C-alpha atoms as a PDB file:
ATOM      1  CA  UNK A   1       0.000   0.000   0.000  1.00  0.00           C
ATOM      2  CA  UNK A   2       2.922   2.359   0.728  1.00  0.00           C
ATOM      3  CA  UNK A   3       4.220   1.878  -2.830  1.00  0.00           C
ATOM      4  CA  UNK A   4       0.813   2.753  -4.256  1.00  0.00           C
ATOM      5  CA  UNK A   5       0.747   5.958  -2.180  1.00  0.00           C
ATOM      6  CA  UNK A   6       4.277   6.849  -3.320  1.00  0.00           C
ATOM      7  CA  UNK A   7       3.283   6.011  -6.894  1.00  0.00           C
ATOM      8  CA  UNK A   8       0.289   8.337  -6.613  1.00  0.00           C
ATOM      9  CA  UNK A   9       2.501  11.144  -5.223  1.00  0.00           C
ATOM     10  CA  UNK A  10       4.935  10.753  -8.117  1.00  0.00           C
ATOM     11  CA  UNK A  11       1.915  10.672 -10.411  1.00  0.00           C
ATOM     12  CA  UNK A  12       0.786  13.984  -8.929  1.00  0.00           C
ATOM     13  CA  UNK A  13       4.099  15.541  -9.935  1.00  0.00           C
ATOM     14  CA  UNK A  14       3.705  13.930 -13.344  1.00  0.00           C
ATOM     15  CA  UNK A  15       0.234  15.447 -13.637  1.00  0.00           C
ATOM     16  CA  UNK A  16       1.634  18.918 -12.959  1.00  0.00           C
ATOM     17  CA  UNK A  17       4.283  18.382 -15.651  1.00  0.00           C
ATOM     18  CA  UNK A  18       1.684  16.913 -18.030  1.00  0.00           C
ATOM     19  CA  UNK A  19      -0.822  19.721 -17.632  1.00  0.00           C
ATOM     20  CA  UNK A  20       1.822  22.473 -17.692  1.00  0.00           C
ATOM     21  CA  UNK A  21       3.501  21.221 -20.868  1.00  0.00           C
ATOM     22  CA  UNK A  22       0.093  20.589 -22.462  1.00  0.00           C
ATOM     23  CA  UNK A  23      -1.142  24.095 -21.724  1.00  0.00           C
ATOM     24  CA  UNK A  24       2.118  25.640 -22.959  1.00  0.00           C
ATOM     25  CA  UNK A  25       1.976  23.691 -26.213  1.00  0.00           C
ATOM     26  CA  UNK A  26      -1.742  24.232 -26.784  1.00  0.00           C
ATOM     27  CA  UNK A  27      -2.191  27.831 -25.665  1.00  0.00           C
ATOM     28  CA  UNK A  28       1.244  29.424 -26.038  1.00  0.00           C
ATOM     29  CA  UNK A  29       2.545  27.628 -29.133  1.00  0.00           C
ATOM     30  CA  UNK A  30      -0.864  26.929 -30.742  1.00  0.00           C
ATOM     31  CA  UNK A  31      -0.024  23.269 -31.326  1.00  0.00           C
ATOM     32  CA  UNK A  32      -2.968  21.008 -32.190  1.00  0.00           C
ATOM     33  CA  UNK A  33      -4.673  19.401 -29.197  1.00  0.00           C
ATOM     34  CA  UNK A  34      -3.562  15.812 -29.944  1.00  0.00           C
ATOM     35  CA  UNK A  35       0.034  16.885 -30.634  1.00  0.00           C
ATOM     36  CA  UNK A  36       0.057  18.887 -27.400  1.00  0.00           C
ATOM     37  CA  UNK A  37      -1.102  15.805 -25.464  1.00  0.00           C
ATOM     38  CA  UNK A  38       1.595  13.581 -26.998  1.00  0.00           C
ATOM     39  CA  UNK A  39       4.386  16.048 -26.223  1.00  0.00           C
ATOM     40  CA  UNK A  40       3.118  16.564 -22.679  1.00  0.00           C
ATOM     41  CA  UNK A  41       2.769  12.809 -22.196  1.00  0.00           C
ATOM     42  CA  UNK A  42       6.423  12.227 -23.118  1.00  0.00           C
ATOM     43  CA  UNK A  43       7.612  14.788 -20.560  1.00  0.00           C
ATOM     44  CA  UNK A  44       5.262  13.505 -17.855  1.00  0.00           C
ATOM     45  CA  UNK A  45       6.124   9.833 -18.456  1.00  0.00           C
ATOM     46  CA  UNK A  46       9.849  10.564 -18.208  1.00  0.00           C
ATOM     47  CA  UNK A  47       9.294  12.586 -15.031  1.00  0.00           C
ATOM     48  CA  UNK A  48       7.290   9.798 -13.402  1.00  0.00           C
ATOM     49  CA  UNK A  49       9.851   7.187 -14.434  1.00  0.00           C
ATOM     50  CA  UNK A  50      12.541   9.181 -12.632  1.00  0.00           C
ATOM     51  CA  UNK A  51      10.357   9.610  -9.539  1.00  0.00           C
ATOM     52  CA  UNK A  52       9.375   5.965  -9.467  1.00  0.00           C
ATOM     53  CA  UNK A  53      12.952   4.855 -10.079  1.00  0.00           C
ATOM     54  CA  UNK A  54      14.301   6.682  -7.050  1.00  0.00           C
ATOM     55  CA  UNK A  55      11.333   7.294  -4.737  1.00  0.00           C
ATOM     56  CA  UNK A  56       8.650   4.642  -5.225  1.00  0.00           C
ATOM     57  CA  UNK A  57      10.622   1.523  -6.049  1.00  0.00           C
ATOM     58  CA  UNK A  58      14.127   2.523  -4.920  1.00  0.00           C
ATOM     59  CA  UNK A  59      15.728   0.917  -7.941  1.00  0.00           C
ATOM     60  CA  UNK A  60      19.427   0.231  -7.629  1.00  0.00           C
ATOM     61  CA  UNK A  61      19.999  -0.218 -11.363  1.00  0.00           C
ATOM     62  CA  UNK A  62      22.079   2.846 -12.146  1.00  0.00           C
ATOM     63  CA  UNK A  63      24.314   1.946 -15.069  1.00  0.00           C
ATOM     64  CA  UNK A  64      23.573   3.685 -18.353  1.00  0.00           C
ATOM     65  CA  UNK A  65      22.471   0.407 -19.952  1.00  0.00           C
ATOM     66  CA  UNK A  66      20.121  -0.636 -17.149  1.00  0.00           C
ATOM     67  CA  UNK A  67      18.679   2.869 -16.826  1.00  0.00           C
ATOM     68  CA  UNK A  68      17.950   3.000 -20.552  1.00  0.00           C
ATOM     69  CA  UNK A  69      16.365  -0.471 -20.453  1.00  0.00           C
ATOM     70  CA  UNK A  70      14.262   0.494 -17.438  1.00  0.00           C
ATOM     71  CA  UNK A  71      13.226   3.793 -19.070  1.00  0.00           C
ATOM     72  CA  UNK A  72      12.151   1.964 -22.252  1.00  0.00           C
ATOM     73  CA  UNK A  73      10.066  -0.516 -20.256  1.00  0.00           C
ATOM     74  CA  UNK A  74       8.551   2.353 -18.290  1.00  0.00           C
ATOM     75  CA  UNK A  75       7.701   4.256 -21.478  1.00  0.00           C
ATOM     76  CA  UNK A  76       6.084   1.154 -23.003  1.00  0.00           C
ATOM     77  CA  UNK A  77       3.956   0.590 -19.908  1.00  0.00           C
ATOM     78  CA  UNK A  78       3.040   4.281 -19.887  1.00  0.00           C
ATOM     79  CA  UNK A  79       2.083   4.095 -23.578  1.00  0.00           C
ATOM     80  CA  UNK A  80      -0.182   1.109 -22.942  1.00  0.00           C
ATOM     81  CA  UNK A  81      -1.715   2.886 -19.955  1.00  0.00           C
ATOM     82  CA  UNK A  82      -2.083   6.051 -22.021  1.00  0.00           C
ATOM     83  CA  UNK A  83      -4.737   4.398 -24.168  1.00  0.00           C
ATOM     84  CA  UNK A  84      -7.510   4.735 -21.567  1.00  0.00           C
ATOM     85  CA  UNK A  85      -6.002   8.083 -20.517  1.00  0.00           C
ATOM     86  CA  UNK A  86      -6.275   9.566 -24.015  1.00  0.00           C
ATOM     87  CA  UNK A  87      -9.686   8.001 -24.739  1.00  0.00           C
ATOM     88  CA  UNK A  88     -11.134   9.525 -21.574  1.00  0.00           C
ATOM     89  CA  UNK A  89      -9.464  12.897 -22.217  1.00  0.00           C
ATOM     90  CA  UNK A  90     -10.642  13.150 -25.819  1.00  0.00           C
ATOM     91  CA  UNK A  91     -14.148  11.998 -24.850  1.00  0.00           C
ATOM     92  CA  UNK A  92     -14.465  14.681 -22.174  1.00  0.00           C
ATOM     93  CA  UNK A  93     -13.154  17.406 -24.496  1.00  0.00           C
ATOM     94  CA  UNK A  94     -15.299  16.329 -27.444  1.00  0.00           C
ATOM     95  CA  UNK A  95     -18.447  16.270 -25.299  1.00  0.00           C
ATOM     96  CA  UNK A  96     -17.841  19.284 -23.040  1.00  0.00           C
ATOM     97  CA  UNK A  97     -15.602  21.532 -25.154  1.00  0.00           C
ATOM     98  CA  UNK A  98     -12.112  23.021 -25.104  1.00  0.00           C
ATOM     99  CA  UNK A  99     -12.590  25.559 -22.328  1.00  0.00           C
ATOM    100  CA  UNK A 100      -9.792  25.399 -19.768  1.00  0.00           C
ATOM    101  CA  UNK A 101     -11.941  23.854 -17.020  1.00  0.00           C
ATOM    102  CA  UNK A 102     -12.948  20.998 -19.341  1.00  0.00           C
ATOM    103  CA  UNK A 103      -9.377  20.495 -20.559  1.00  0.00           C
ATOM    104  CA  UNK A 104      -8.167  20.111 -16.960  1.00  0.00           C
ATOM    105  CA  UNK A 105     -11.130  17.895 -16.087  1.00  0.00           C
ATOM    106  CA  UNK A 106     -10.331  15.668 -19.045  1.00  0.00           C
ATOM    107  CA  UNK A 107      -6.652  15.574 -18.085  1.00  0.00           C
ATOM    108  CA  UNK A 108      -7.453  14.610 -14.503  1.00  0.00           C
ATOM    109  CA  UNK A 109     -10.006  11.940 -15.398  1.00  0.00           C
ATOM    110  CA  UNK A 110      -7.691  10.515 -18.038  1.00  0.00           C
ATOM    111  CA  UNK A 111      -4.779  10.298 -15.631  1.00  0.00           C
ATOM    112  CA  UNK A 112      -6.909   8.466 -13.079  1.00  0.00           C
ATOM    113  CA  UNK A 113      -8.094   6.105 -15.808  1.00  0.00           C
ATOM    114  CA  UNK A 114      -4.543   5.138 -16.770  1.00  0.00           C
ATOM    115  CA  UNK A 115      -2.987   5.124 -13.304  1.00  0.00           C
ATOM    116  CA  UNK A 116      -4.005   1.683 -12.113  1.00  0.00           C
ATOM    117  CA  UNK A 117      -2.770  -0.222 -15.151  1.00  0.00           C
ATOM    118  CA  UNK A 118       0.445   1.795 -15.121  1.00  0.00           C
ATOM    119  CA  UNK A 119       1.001   0.964 -11.448  1.00  0.00           C
ATOM    120  CA  UNK A 120       0.542  -2.734 -12.141  1.00  0.00           C
ATOM    121  CA  UNK A 121       3.022  -2.644 -15.063  1.00  0.00           C
ATOM    122  CA  UNK A 122       5.581  -0.756 -12.965  1.00  0.00           C
ATOM    123  CA  UNK A 123       5.205  -3.077  -9.995  1.00  0.00           C
ATOM    124  CA  UNK A 124       5.248  -6.360 -11.914  1.00  0.00           C
ATOM    125  CA  UNK A 125       7.455  -5.587 -14.907  1.00  0.00           C
ATOM    126  CA  UNK A 126       9.436  -2.325 -14.961  1.00  0.00           C
ATOM    127  CA  UNK A 127      10.808  -2.398 -11.414  1.00  0.00           C
ATOM    128  CA  UNK A 128      10.359  -6.103 -10.649  1.00  0.00           C
ATOM    129  CA  UNK A 129      13.567  -7.357  -9.130  1.00  0.00           C
END
Protein backbone atom coordinates (compact mmCIF):
# COMPACT_ATOMS: atom_id res chain seq x y z
CA UNK A 1 0.00 0.00 0.00
CA UNK A 2 2.92 2.36 0.73
CA UNK A 3 4.22 1.88 -2.83
CA UNK A 4 0.81 2.75 -4.26
CA UNK A 5 0.75 5.96 -2.18
CA UNK A 6 4.28 6.85 -3.32
CA UNK A 7 3.28 6.01 -6.89
CA UNK A 8 0.29 8.34 -6.61
CA UNK A 9 2.50 11.14 -5.22
CA UNK A 10 4.93 10.75 -8.12
CA UNK A 11 1.91 10.67 -10.41
CA UNK A 12 0.79 13.98 -8.93
CA UNK A 13 4.10 15.54 -9.93
CA UNK A 14 3.70 13.93 -13.34
CA UNK A 15 0.23 15.45 -13.64
CA UNK A 16 1.63 18.92 -12.96
CA UNK A 17 4.28 18.38 -15.65
CA UNK A 18 1.68 16.91 -18.03
CA UNK A 19 -0.82 19.72 -17.63
CA UNK A 20 1.82 22.47 -17.69
CA UNK A 21 3.50 21.22 -20.87
CA UNK A 22 0.09 20.59 -22.46
CA UNK A 23 -1.14 24.09 -21.72
CA UNK A 24 2.12 25.64 -22.96
CA UNK A 25 1.98 23.69 -26.21
CA UNK A 26 -1.74 24.23 -26.78
CA UNK A 27 -2.19 27.83 -25.67
CA UNK A 28 1.24 29.42 -26.04
CA UNK A 29 2.54 27.63 -29.13
CA UNK A 30 -0.86 26.93 -30.74
CA UNK A 31 -0.02 23.27 -31.33
CA UNK A 32 -2.97 21.01 -32.19
CA UNK A 33 -4.67 19.40 -29.20
CA UNK A 34 -3.56 15.81 -29.94
CA UNK A 35 0.03 16.88 -30.63
CA UNK A 36 0.06 18.89 -27.40
CA UNK A 37 -1.10 15.80 -25.46
CA UNK A 38 1.60 13.58 -27.00
CA UNK A 39 4.39 16.05 -26.22
CA UNK A 40 3.12 16.56 -22.68
CA UNK A 41 2.77 12.81 -22.20
CA UNK A 42 6.42 12.23 -23.12
CA UNK A 43 7.61 14.79 -20.56
CA UNK A 44 5.26 13.50 -17.86
CA UNK A 45 6.12 9.83 -18.46
CA UNK A 46 9.85 10.56 -18.21
CA UNK A 47 9.29 12.59 -15.03
CA UNK A 48 7.29 9.80 -13.40
CA UNK A 49 9.85 7.19 -14.43
CA UNK A 50 12.54 9.18 -12.63
CA UNK A 51 10.36 9.61 -9.54
CA UNK A 52 9.38 5.96 -9.47
CA UNK A 53 12.95 4.85 -10.08
CA UNK A 54 14.30 6.68 -7.05
CA UNK A 55 11.33 7.29 -4.74
CA UNK A 56 8.65 4.64 -5.23
CA UNK A 57 10.62 1.52 -6.05
CA UNK A 58 14.13 2.52 -4.92
CA UNK A 59 15.73 0.92 -7.94
CA UNK A 60 19.43 0.23 -7.63
CA UNK A 61 20.00 -0.22 -11.36
CA UNK A 62 22.08 2.85 -12.15
CA UNK A 63 24.31 1.95 -15.07
CA UNK A 64 23.57 3.68 -18.35
CA UNK A 65 22.47 0.41 -19.95
CA UNK A 66 20.12 -0.64 -17.15
CA UNK A 67 18.68 2.87 -16.83
CA UNK A 68 17.95 3.00 -20.55
CA UNK A 69 16.36 -0.47 -20.45
CA UNK A 70 14.26 0.49 -17.44
CA UNK A 71 13.23 3.79 -19.07
CA UNK A 72 12.15 1.96 -22.25
CA UNK A 73 10.07 -0.52 -20.26
CA UNK A 74 8.55 2.35 -18.29
CA UNK A 75 7.70 4.26 -21.48
CA UNK A 76 6.08 1.15 -23.00
CA UNK A 77 3.96 0.59 -19.91
CA UNK A 78 3.04 4.28 -19.89
CA UNK A 79 2.08 4.10 -23.58
CA UNK A 80 -0.18 1.11 -22.94
CA UNK A 81 -1.71 2.89 -19.96
CA UNK A 82 -2.08 6.05 -22.02
CA UNK A 83 -4.74 4.40 -24.17
CA UNK A 84 -7.51 4.74 -21.57
CA UNK A 85 -6.00 8.08 -20.52
CA UNK A 86 -6.27 9.57 -24.02
CA UNK A 87 -9.69 8.00 -24.74
CA UNK A 88 -11.13 9.52 -21.57
CA UNK A 89 -9.46 12.90 -22.22
CA UNK A 90 -10.64 13.15 -25.82
CA UNK A 91 -14.15 12.00 -24.85
CA UNK A 92 -14.46 14.68 -22.17
CA UNK A 93 -13.15 17.41 -24.50
CA UNK A 94 -15.30 16.33 -27.44
CA UNK A 95 -18.45 16.27 -25.30
CA UNK A 96 -17.84 19.28 -23.04
CA UNK A 97 -15.60 21.53 -25.15
CA UNK A 98 -12.11 23.02 -25.10
CA UNK A 99 -12.59 25.56 -22.33
CA UNK A 100 -9.79 25.40 -19.77
CA UNK A 101 -11.94 23.85 -17.02
CA UNK A 102 -12.95 21.00 -19.34
CA UNK A 103 -9.38 20.49 -20.56
CA UNK A 104 -8.17 20.11 -16.96
CA UNK A 105 -11.13 17.90 -16.09
CA UNK A 106 -10.33 15.67 -19.05
CA UNK A 107 -6.65 15.57 -18.08
CA UNK A 108 -7.45 14.61 -14.50
CA UNK A 109 -10.01 11.94 -15.40
CA UNK A 110 -7.69 10.52 -18.04
CA UNK A 111 -4.78 10.30 -15.63
CA UNK A 112 -6.91 8.47 -13.08
CA UNK A 113 -8.09 6.11 -15.81
CA UNK A 114 -4.54 5.14 -16.77
CA UNK A 115 -2.99 5.12 -13.30
CA UNK A 116 -4.00 1.68 -12.11
CA UNK A 117 -2.77 -0.22 -15.15
CA UNK A 118 0.44 1.80 -15.12
CA UNK A 119 1.00 0.96 -11.45
CA UNK A 120 0.54 -2.73 -12.14
CA UNK A 121 3.02 -2.64 -15.06
CA UNK A 122 5.58 -0.76 -12.97
CA UNK A 123 5.20 -3.08 -10.00
CA UNK A 124 5.25 -6.36 -11.91
CA UNK A 125 7.45 -5.59 -14.91
CA UNK A 126 9.44 -2.32 -14.96
CA UNK A 127 10.81 -2.40 -11.41
CA UNK A 128 10.36 -6.10 -10.65
CA UNK A 129 13.57 -7.36 -9.13
